[in-house]
Every structure is written in C-alpha cells, then in structure tokens.
Amino acid sequence: SNFSDLIEHFRHKYKVVAPLLPLYDLDIFHTTVVGL
C-alpha cells in the first residue's frame, strides 16, 4: 500500500510489479537482506 499512488500513476505506461517480501516467513537463518 506504500506504493498505491505510484502504481496508479505508472500502470498506464509500465508493467508495475510489487512483490510482497516475506519479512516474517523465511526461516531465521535466511531472515537477512541477503536472504531477501
């Protein structure tokens, strides 16, 4: 939702893609910026 205005603005000219990052779904070993 942080990008709602951006998505609405740019979806007419670009393919706007916004993955939901698994901040709390990875195992603790991979819960790092490298894991993401």
All heavy atoms as atom14 arrays in JSON, in Angstrom:
{
  "sequence": "SNFSDLIEHFRHKYKVVAPLLPLYDLDIFHTTVVGL",
  "atom14_mask": [
    [1, 1, 1, 1, 1, 1, 0, 0, 0, 0, 0, 0, 0, 0],
    [1, 1, 1, 1, 1, 1, 1, 1, 0, 0, 0, 0, 0, 0],
    [1, 1, 1, 1, 1, 1, 1, 1, 1, 1, 1, 0, 0, 0],
    [1, 1, 1, 1, 1, 1, 0, 0, 0, 0, 0, 0, 0, 0],
    [1, 1, 1, 1, 1, 1, 1, 1, 0, 0, 0, 0, 0, 0],
    [1, 1, 1, 1, 1, 1, 1, 1, 0, 0, 0, 0, 0, 0],
    [1, 1, 1, 1, 1, 1, 1, 1, 0, 0, 0, 0, 0, 0],
    [1, 1, 1, 1, 1, 1, 1, 1, 1, 0, 0, 0, 0, 0],
    [1, 1, 1, 1, 1, 1, 1, 1, 1, 1, 0, 0, 0, 0],
    [1, 1, 1, 1, 1, 1, 1, 1, 1, 1, 1, 0, 0, 0],
    [1, 1, 1, 1, 1, 1, 1, 1, 1, 1, 1, 0, 0, 0],
    [1, 1, 1, 1, 1, 1, 1, 1, 1, 1, 0, 0, 0, 0],
    [1, 1, 1, 1, 1, 1, 1, 1, 1, 0, 0, 0, 0, 0],
    [1, 1, 1, 1, 1, 1, 1, 1, 1, 1, 1, 1, 0, 0],
    [1, 1, 1, 1, 1, 1, 1, 1, 1, 0, 0, 0, 0, 0],
    [1, 1, 1, 1, 1, 1, 1, 0, 0, 0, 0, 0, 0, 0],
    [1, 1, 1, 1, 1, 1, 1, 0, 0, 0, 0, 0, 0, 0],
    [1, 1, 1, 1, 1, 0, 0, 0, 0, 0, 0, 0, 0, 0],
    [1, 1, 1, 1, 1, 1, 1, 0, 0, 0, 0, 0, 0, 0],
    [1, 1, 1, 1, 1, 1, 1, 1, 0, 0, 0, 0, 0, 0],
    [1, 1, 1, 1, 1, 1, 1, 1, 0, 0, 0, 0, 0, 0],
    [1, 1, 1, 1, 1, 1, 1, 0, 0, 0, 0, 0, 0, 0],
    [1, 1, 1, 1, 1, 1, 1, 1, 0, 0, 0, 0, 0, 0],
    [1, 1, 1, 1, 1, 1, 1, 1, 1, 1, 1, 1, 0, 0],
    [1, 1, 1, 1, 1, 1, 1, 1, 0, 0, 0, 0, 0, 0],
    [1, 1, 1, 1, 1, 1, 1, 1, 0, 0, 0, 0, 0, 0],
    [1, 1, 1, 1, 1, 1, 1, 1, 0, 0, 0, 0, 0, 0],
    [1, 1, 1, 1, 1, 1, 1, 1, 0, 0, 0, 0, 0, 0],
    [1, 1, 1, 1, 1, 1, 1, 1, 1, 1, 1, 0, 0, 0],
    [1, 1, 1, 1, 1, 1, 1, 1, 1, 1, 0, 0, 0, 0],
    [1, 1, 1, 1, 1, 1, 1, 0, 0, 0, 0, 0, 0, 0],
    [1, 1, 1, 1, 1, 1, 1, 0, 0, 0, 0, 0, 0, 0],
    [1, 1, 1, 1, 1, 1, 1, 0, 0, 0, 0, 0, 0, 0],
    [1, 1, 1, 1, 1, 1, 1, 0, 0, 0, 0, 0, 0, 0],
    [1, 1, 1, 1, 0, 0, 0, 0, 0, 0, 0, 0, 0, 0],
    [1, 1, 1, 1, 1, 1, 1, 1, 0, 0, 0, 0, 0, 0]
  ],
  "atom14_positions": [
    [[0.82, -1.22, 0.0], [0.0, 0.0, 0.0], [0.85, 1.27, 0.0], [0.38, 2.34, -0.39], [-0.94, 0.03, 1.21], [-0.2, -0.04, 2.42], [0.0, 0.0, 0.0], [0.0, 0.0, 0.0], [0.0, 0.0, 0.0], [0.0, 0.0, 0.0], [0.0, 0.0, 0.0], [0.0, 0.0, 0.0], [0.0, 0.0, 0.0], [0.0, 0.0, 0.0]],
    [[2.12, 1.15, 0.41], [3.02, 2.31, 0.38], [3.18, 2.87, -1.03], [3.53, 4.04, -1.2], [4.41, 1.94, 0.92], [4.43, 1.52, 2.37], [5.43, 1.04, 2.86], [3.31, 1.66, 3.07], [0.0, 0.0, 0.0], [0.0, 0.0, 0.0], [0.0, 0.0, 0.0], [0.0, 0.0, 0.0], [0.0, 0.0, 0.0], [0.0, 0.0, 0.0]],
    [[2.94, 2.03, -2.02], [3.17, 2.41, -3.41], [1.87, 2.6, -4.19], [1.88, 2.57, -5.42], [4.03, 1.34, -4.1], [5.42, 1.21, -3.53], [5.71, 0.22, -2.61], [6.43, 2.07, -3.92], [6.99, 0.09, -2.08], [7.7, 1.96, -3.4], [7.99, 0.97, -2.47], [0.0, 0.0, 0.0], [0.0, 0.0, 0.0], [0.0, 0.0, 0.0]],
    [[0.77, 2.79, -3.5], [-0.53, 2.85, -4.18], [-0.58, 3.99, -5.2], [-1.06, 3.81, -6.33], [-1.67, 2.98, -3.16], [-1.48, 4.1, -2.33], [0.0, 0.0, 0.0], [0.0, 0.0, 0.0], [0.0, 0.0, 0.0], [0.0, 0.0, 0.0], [0.0, 0.0, 0.0], [0.0, 0.0, 0.0], [0.0, 0.0, 0.0], [0.0, 0.0, 0.0]],
    [[-0.08, 5.18, -4.84], [-0.09, 6.31, -5.78], [0.84, 6.05, -6.96], [0.51, 6.38, -8.1], [0.3, 7.6, -5.06], [-0.77, 8.1, -4.11], [-1.81, 8.56, -4.6], [-0.58, 8.02, -2.89], [0.0, 0.0, 0.0], [0.0, 0.0, 0.0], [0.0, 0.0, 0.0], [0.0, 0.0, 0.0], [0.0, 0.0, 0.0], [0.0, 0.0, 0.0]],
    [[1.98, 5.46, -6.68], [2.93, 5.14, -7.74], [2.34, 4.12, -8.72], [2.44, 4.28, -9.94], [4.23, 4.62, -7.13], [5.36, 4.27, -8.1], [6.71, 4.52, -7.44], [5.3, 2.81, -8.56], [0.0, 0.0, 0.0], [0.0, 0.0, 0.0], [0.0, 0.0, 0.0], [0.0, 0.0, 0.0], [0.0, 0.0, 0.0], [0.0, 0.0, 0.0]],
    [[1.74, 3.07, -8.18], [1.14, 2.04, -9.04], [0.07, 2.64, -9.93], [0.03, 2.39, -11.15], [0.57, 0.89, -8.19], [1.69, 0.16, -7.45], [-0.22, -0.09, -9.07], [1.21, -0.83, -6.4], [0.0, 0.0, 0.0], [0.0, 0.0, 0.0], [0.0, 0.0, 0.0], [0.0, 0.0, 0.0], [0.0, 0.0, 0.0], [0.0, 0.0, 0.0]],
    [[-0.79, 3.44, -9.34], [-1.88, 4.04, -10.11], [-1.35, 4.96, -11.2], [-1.88, 4.99, -12.32], [-2.82, 4.81, -9.18], [-4.05, 5.38, -9.87], [-4.9, 4.34, -10.56], [-4.95, 3.18, -10.09], [-5.5, 4.66, -11.6], [0.0, 0.0, 0.0], [0.0, 0.0, 0.0], [0.0, 0.0, 0.0], [0.0, 0.0, 0.0], [0.0, 0.0, 0.0]],
    [[-0.27, 5.68, -10.91], [0.28, 6.63, -11.87], [0.99, 5.92, -13.03], [0.83, 6.32, -14.19], [1.26, 7.57, -11.17], [1.84, 8.63, -12.05], [1.21, 9.84, -12.28], [2.99, 8.66, -12.79], [1.94, 10.57, -13.1], [3.03, 9.88, -13.43], [0.0, 0.0, 0.0], [0.0, 0.0, 0.0], [0.0, 0.0, 0.0], [0.0, 0.0, 0.0]],
    [[1.78, 4.89, -12.71], [2.67, 4.31, -13.71], [2.11, 3.08, -14.42], [2.69, 2.65, -15.43], [4.03, 3.97, -13.08], [4.88, 5.18, -12.82], [4.91, 5.77, -11.57], [5.63, 5.75, -13.84], [5.69, 6.9, -11.33], [6.41, 6.87, -13.61], [6.44, 7.45, -12.35], [0.0, 0.0, 0.0], [0.0, 0.0, 0.0], [0.0, 0.0, 0.0]],
    [[1.01, 2.52, -13.95], [0.49, 1.29, -14.57], [-0.03, 1.53, -15.98], [-0.25, 0.58, -16.73], [-0.61, 0.69, -13.7], [-1.9, 1.49, -13.63], [-2.87, 0.87, -12.64], [-4.12, 1.61, -12.55], [-5.2, 1.37, -13.3], [-5.17, 0.4, -14.2], [-6.29, 2.09, -13.16], [0.0, 0.0, 0.0], [0.0, 0.0, 0.0], [0.0, 0.0, 0.0]],
    [[-0.22, 2.79, -16.37], [-0.71, 3.1, -17.71], [0.42, 3.09, -18.75], [0.15, 3.04, -19.95], [-1.4, 4.47, -17.72], [-2.52, 4.57, -16.73], [-3.71, 3.9, -16.88], [-2.62, 5.23, -15.54], [-4.51, 4.16, -15.86], [-3.87, 4.96, -15.02], [0.0, 0.0, 0.0], [0.0, 0.0, 0.0], [0.0, 0.0, 0.0], [0.0, 0.0, 0.0]],
    [[1.68, 3.12, -18.28], [2.81, 3.14, -19.21], [3.81, 2.01, -18.98], [4.62, 1.71, -19.86], [3.55, 4.48, -19.1], [2.77, 5.69, -19.57], [3.62, 6.94, -19.49], [2.85, 8.17, -19.98], [3.69, 9.4, -19.89], [0.0, 0.0, 0.0], [0.0, 0.0, 0.0], [0.0, 0.0, 0.0], [0.0, 0.0, 0.0], [0.0, 0.0, 0.0]],
    [[3.76, 1.42, -17.79], [4.72, 0.39, -17.43], [3.99, -0.81, -16.83], [2.84, -0.72, -16.42], [5.73, 0.92, -16.4], [6.59, 2.04, -16.92], [6.15, 3.37, -16.87], [7.84, 1.79, -17.49], [6.93, 4.41, -17.37], [8.62, 2.83, -17.98], [8.16, 4.13, -17.92], [8.93, 5.15, -18.42], [0.0, 0.0, 0.0], [0.0, 0.0, 0.0]],
    [[4.71, -1.92, -16.77], [4.21, -3.07, -16.01], [4.74, -2.91, -14.59], [5.93, -3.17, -14.33], [4.69, -4.39, -16.62], [4.22, -5.62, -15.85], [4.76, -6.9, -16.47], [4.06, -7.19, -17.79], [4.51, -8.5, -18.35], [0.0, 0.0, 0.0], [0.0, 0.0, 0.0], [0.0, 0.0, 0.0], [0.0, 0.0, 0.0], [0.0, 0.0, 0.0]],
    [[3.9, -2.45, -13.69], [4.33, -2.21, -12.32], [4.19, -3.51, -11.53], [3.11, -4.09, -11.45], [3.51, -1.09, -11.65], [4.08, -0.79, -10.27], [3.53, 0.18, -12.51], [0.0, 0.0, 0.0], [0.0, 0.0, 0.0], [0.0, 0.0, 0.0], [0.0, 0.0, 0.0], [0.0, 0.0, 0.0], [0.0, 0.0, 0.0], [0.0, 0.0, 0.0]],
    [[5.29, -3.94, -10.95], [5.34, -5.22, -10.23], [5.78, -4.95, -8.8], [6.79, -4.29, -8.56], [6.34, -6.19, -10.9], [6.31, -7.54, -10.21], [6.05, -6.34, -12.39], [0.0, 0.0, 0.0], [0.0, 0.0, 0.0], [0.0, 0.0, 0.0], [0.0, 0.0, 0.0], [0.0, 0.0, 0.0], [0.0, 0.0, 0.0], [0.0, 0.0, 0.0]],
    [[5.0, -5.45, -7.85], [5.29, -5.2, -6.43], [5.18, -6.52, -5.66], [4.08, -6.92, -5.28], [4.34, -4.16, -5.86], [0.0, 0.0, 0.0], [0.0, 0.0, 0.0], [0.0, 0.0, 0.0], [0.0, 0.0, 0.0], [0.0, 0.0, 0.0], [0.0, 0.0, 0.0], [0.0, 0.0, 0.0], [0.0, 0.0, 0.0], [0.0, 0.0, 0.0]],
    [[6.31, -7.21, -5.44], [6.25, -8.44, -4.65], [6.07, -8.14, -3.17], [6.57, -7.15, -2.65], [7.61, -9.09, -4.92], [8.52, -7.94, -5.24], [7.66, -6.91, -5.93], [0.0, 0.0, 0.0], [0.0, 0.0, 0.0], [0.0, 0.0, 0.0], [0.0, 0.0, 0.0], [0.0, 0.0, 0.0], [0.0, 0.0, 0.0], [0.0, 0.0, 0.0]],
    [[5.34, -9.01, -2.5], [5.19, -8.92, -1.05], [6.38, -9.65, -0.44], [6.48, -10.89, -0.53], [3.87, -9.57, -0.62], [3.49, -9.46, 0.85], [3.39, -8.0, 1.28], [2.17, -10.17, 1.11], [0.0, 0.0, 0.0], [0.0, 0.0, 0.0], [0.0, 0.0, 0.0], [0.0, 0.0, 0.0], [0.0, 0.0, 0.0], [0.0, 0.0, 0.0]],
    [[7.31, -8.9, 0.13], [8.53, -9.51, 0.67], [8.21, -10.33, 1.92], [7.48, -9.88, 2.8], [9.56, -8.44, 1.0], [10.06, -7.61, -0.19], [11.09, -6.58, 0.28], [10.66, -8.5, -1.27], [0.0, 0.0, 0.0], [0.0, 0.0, 0.0], [0.0, 0.0, 0.0], [0.0, 0.0, 0.0], [0.0, 0.0, 0.0], [0.0, 0.0, 0.0]],
    [[8.77, -11.53, 2.03], [8.46, -12.44, 3.14], [9.27, -12.1, 4.39], [10.08, -12.91, 4.87], [8.84, -13.81, 2.57], [10.0, -13.5, 1.67], [9.72, -12.15, 1.07], [0.0, 0.0, 0.0], [0.0, 0.0, 0.0], [0.0, 0.0, 0.0], [0.0, 0.0, 0.0], [0.0, 0.0, 0.0], [0.0, 0.0, 0.0], [0.0, 0.0, 0.0]],
    [[9.05, -10.91, 4.94], [9.86, -10.44, 6.07], [9.77, -11.37, 7.27], [10.72, -11.51, 8.04], [9.4, -9.04, 6.48], [9.44, -7.96, 5.39], [8.92, -6.64, 5.94], [10.84, -7.79, 4.82], [0.0, 0.0, 0.0], [0.0, 0.0, 0.0], [0.0, 0.0, 0.0], [0.0, 0.0, 0.0], [0.0, 0.0, 0.0], [0.0, 0.0, 0.0]],
    [[8.62, -12.02, 7.43], [8.39, -12.84, 8.63], [8.14, -14.31, 8.29], [7.77, -15.09, 9.15], [7.21, -12.28, 9.43], [7.32, -10.79, 9.65], [6.43, -9.9, 9.04], [8.35, -10.26, 10.42], [6.57, -8.53, 9.22], [8.5, -8.9, 10.6], [7.6, -8.03, 10.0], [7.74, -6.68, 10.17], [0.0, 0.0, 0.0], [0.0, 0.0, 0.0]],
    [[8.36, -14.68, 7.02], [8.06, -16.03, 6.59], [9.29, -16.89, 6.34], [9.2, -18.11, 6.27], [7.2, -16.0, 5.31], [5.88, -15.3, 5.52], [5.35, -15.37, 6.64], [5.39, -14.65, 4.58], [0.0, 0.0, 0.0], [0.0, 0.0, 0.0], [0.0, 0.0, 0.0], [0.0, 0.0, 0.0], [0.0, 0.0, 0.0], [0.0, 0.0, 0.0]],
    [[10.45, -16.26, 6.15], [11.68, -17.02, 5.96], [12.14, -17.6, 7.29], [11.81, -17.07, 8.36], [12.78, -16.13, 5.39], [12.52, -15.5, 4.01], [13.66, -14.53, 3.66], [12.38, -16.56, 2.94], [0.0, 0.0, 0.0], [0.0, 0.0, 0.0], [0.0, 0.0, 0.0], [0.0, 0.0, 0.0], [0.0, 0.0, 0.0], [0.0, 0.0, 0.0]],
    [[12.9, -18.71, 7.24], [13.48, -19.21, 8.48], [14.49, -18.2, 8.98], [14.99, -17.36, 8.22], [14.11, -20.59, 8.27], [15.29, -20.56, 7.3], [16.36, -20.03, 7.68], [15.13, -21.04, 6.16], [0.0, 0.0, 0.0], [0.0, 0.0, 0.0], [0.0, 0.0, 0.0], [0.0, 0.0, 0.0], [0.0, 0.0, 0.0], [0.0, 0.0, 0.0]],
    [[14.79, -18.26, 10.25], [15.59, -17.21, 10.88], [16.98, -17.11, 10.25], [17.55, -16.02, 10.17], [15.7, -17.45, 12.42], [16.29, -16.2, 13.12], [16.51, -18.69, 12.72], [15.4, -14.98, 13.06], [0.0, 0.0, 0.0], [0.0, 0.0, 0.0], [0.0, 0.0, 0.0], [0.0, 0.0, 0.0], [0.0, 0.0, 0.0], [0.0, 0.0, 0.0]],
    [[17.51, -18.21, 9.76], [18.85, -18.21, 9.14], [18.85, -17.34, 7.88], [19.85, -16.69, 7.57], [19.28, -19.64, 8.8], [20.64, -19.73, 8.17], [21.79, -19.54, 8.93], [20.78, -19.98, 6.81], [23.05, -19.61, 8.35], [22.03, -20.05, 6.21], [23.16, -19.87, 6.99], [0.0, 0.0, 0.0], [0.0, 0.0, 0.0], [0.0, 0.0, 0.0]],
    [[17.73, -17.34, 7.15], [17.66, -16.58, 5.9], [16.93, -15.23, 6.05], [16.7, -14.54, 5.07], [16.95, -17.42, 4.82], [17.74, -18.62, 4.39], [17.48, -19.88, 4.86], [18.79, -18.72, 3.54], [18.34, -20.73, 4.31], [19.14, -20.05, 3.51], [0.0, 0.0, 0.0], [0.0, 0.0, 0.0], [0.0, 0.0, 0.0], [0.0, 0.0, 0.0]],
    [[16.59, -14.88, 7.29], [15.92, -13.59, 7.52], [16.98, -12.5, 7.6], [17.31, -11.97, 8.66], [15.07, -13.66, 8.81], [14.14, -14.75, 8.69], [14.26, -12.38, 8.99], [0.0, 0.0, 0.0], [0.0, 0.0, 0.0], [0.0, 0.0, 0.0], [0.0, 0.0, 0.0], [0.0, 0.0, 0.0], [0.0, 0.0, 0.0], [0.0, 0.0, 0.0]],
    [[17.54, -12.2, 6.43], [18.6, -11.21, 6.28], [18.36, -10.46, 4.96], [17.55, -10.88, 4.14], [19.98, -11.88, 6.22], [20.01, -12.74, 5.06], [20.25, -12.73, 7.47], [0.0, 0.0, 0.0], [0.0, 0.0, 0.0], [0.0, 0.0, 0.0], [0.0, 0.0, 0.0], [0.0, 0.0, 0.0], [0.0, 0.0, 0.0], [0.0, 0.0, 0.0]],
    [[19.1, -9.38, 4.76], [18.97, -8.67, 3.48], [19.45, -9.55, 2.33], [18.88, -9.51, 1.23], [19.72, -7.32, 3.49], [18.98, -6.29, 4.31], [21.15, -7.48, 3.95], [0.0, 0.0, 0.0], [0.0, 0.0, 0.0], [0.0, 0.0, 0.0], [0.0, 0.0, 0.0], [0.0, 0.0, 0.0], [0.0, 0.0, 0.0], [0.0, 0.0, 0.0]],
    [[20.44, -10.39, 2.58], [20.92, -11.32, 1.55], [19.85, -12.36, 1.24], [19.59, -12.68, 0.07], [22.23, -12.0, 1.99], [22.63, -13.1, 1.01], [23.35, -10.97, 2.11], [0.0, 0.0, 0.0], [0.0, 0.0, 0.0], [0.0, 0.0, 0.0], [0.0, 0.0, 0.0], [0.0, 0.0, 0.0], [0.0, 0.0, 0.0], [0.0, 0.0, 0.0]],
    [[19.18, -12.86, 2.28], [18.1, -13.82, 2.08], [16.96, -13.22, 1.28], [16.38, -13.88, 0.39], [0.0, 0.0, 0.0], [0.0, 0.0, 0.0], [0.0, 0.0, 0.0], [0.0, 0.0, 0.0], [0.0, 0.0, 0.0], [0.0, 0.0, 0.0], [0.0, 0.0, 0.0], [0.0, 0.0, 0.0], [0.0, 0.0, 0.0], [0.0, 0.0, 0.0]],
    [[16.61, -11.97, 1.56], [15.55, -11.3, 0.8], [15.98, -11.05, -0.64], [15.16, -11.15, -1.57], [15.18, -9.98, 1.47], [14.42, -10.08, 2.8], [14.22, -8.69, 3.39], [13.07, -10.77, 2.61], [0.0, 0.0, 0.0], [0.0, 0.0, 0.0], [0.0, 0.0, 0.0], [0.0, 0.0, 0.0], [0.0, 0.0, 0.0], [0.0, 0.0, 0.0]]
  ]
}
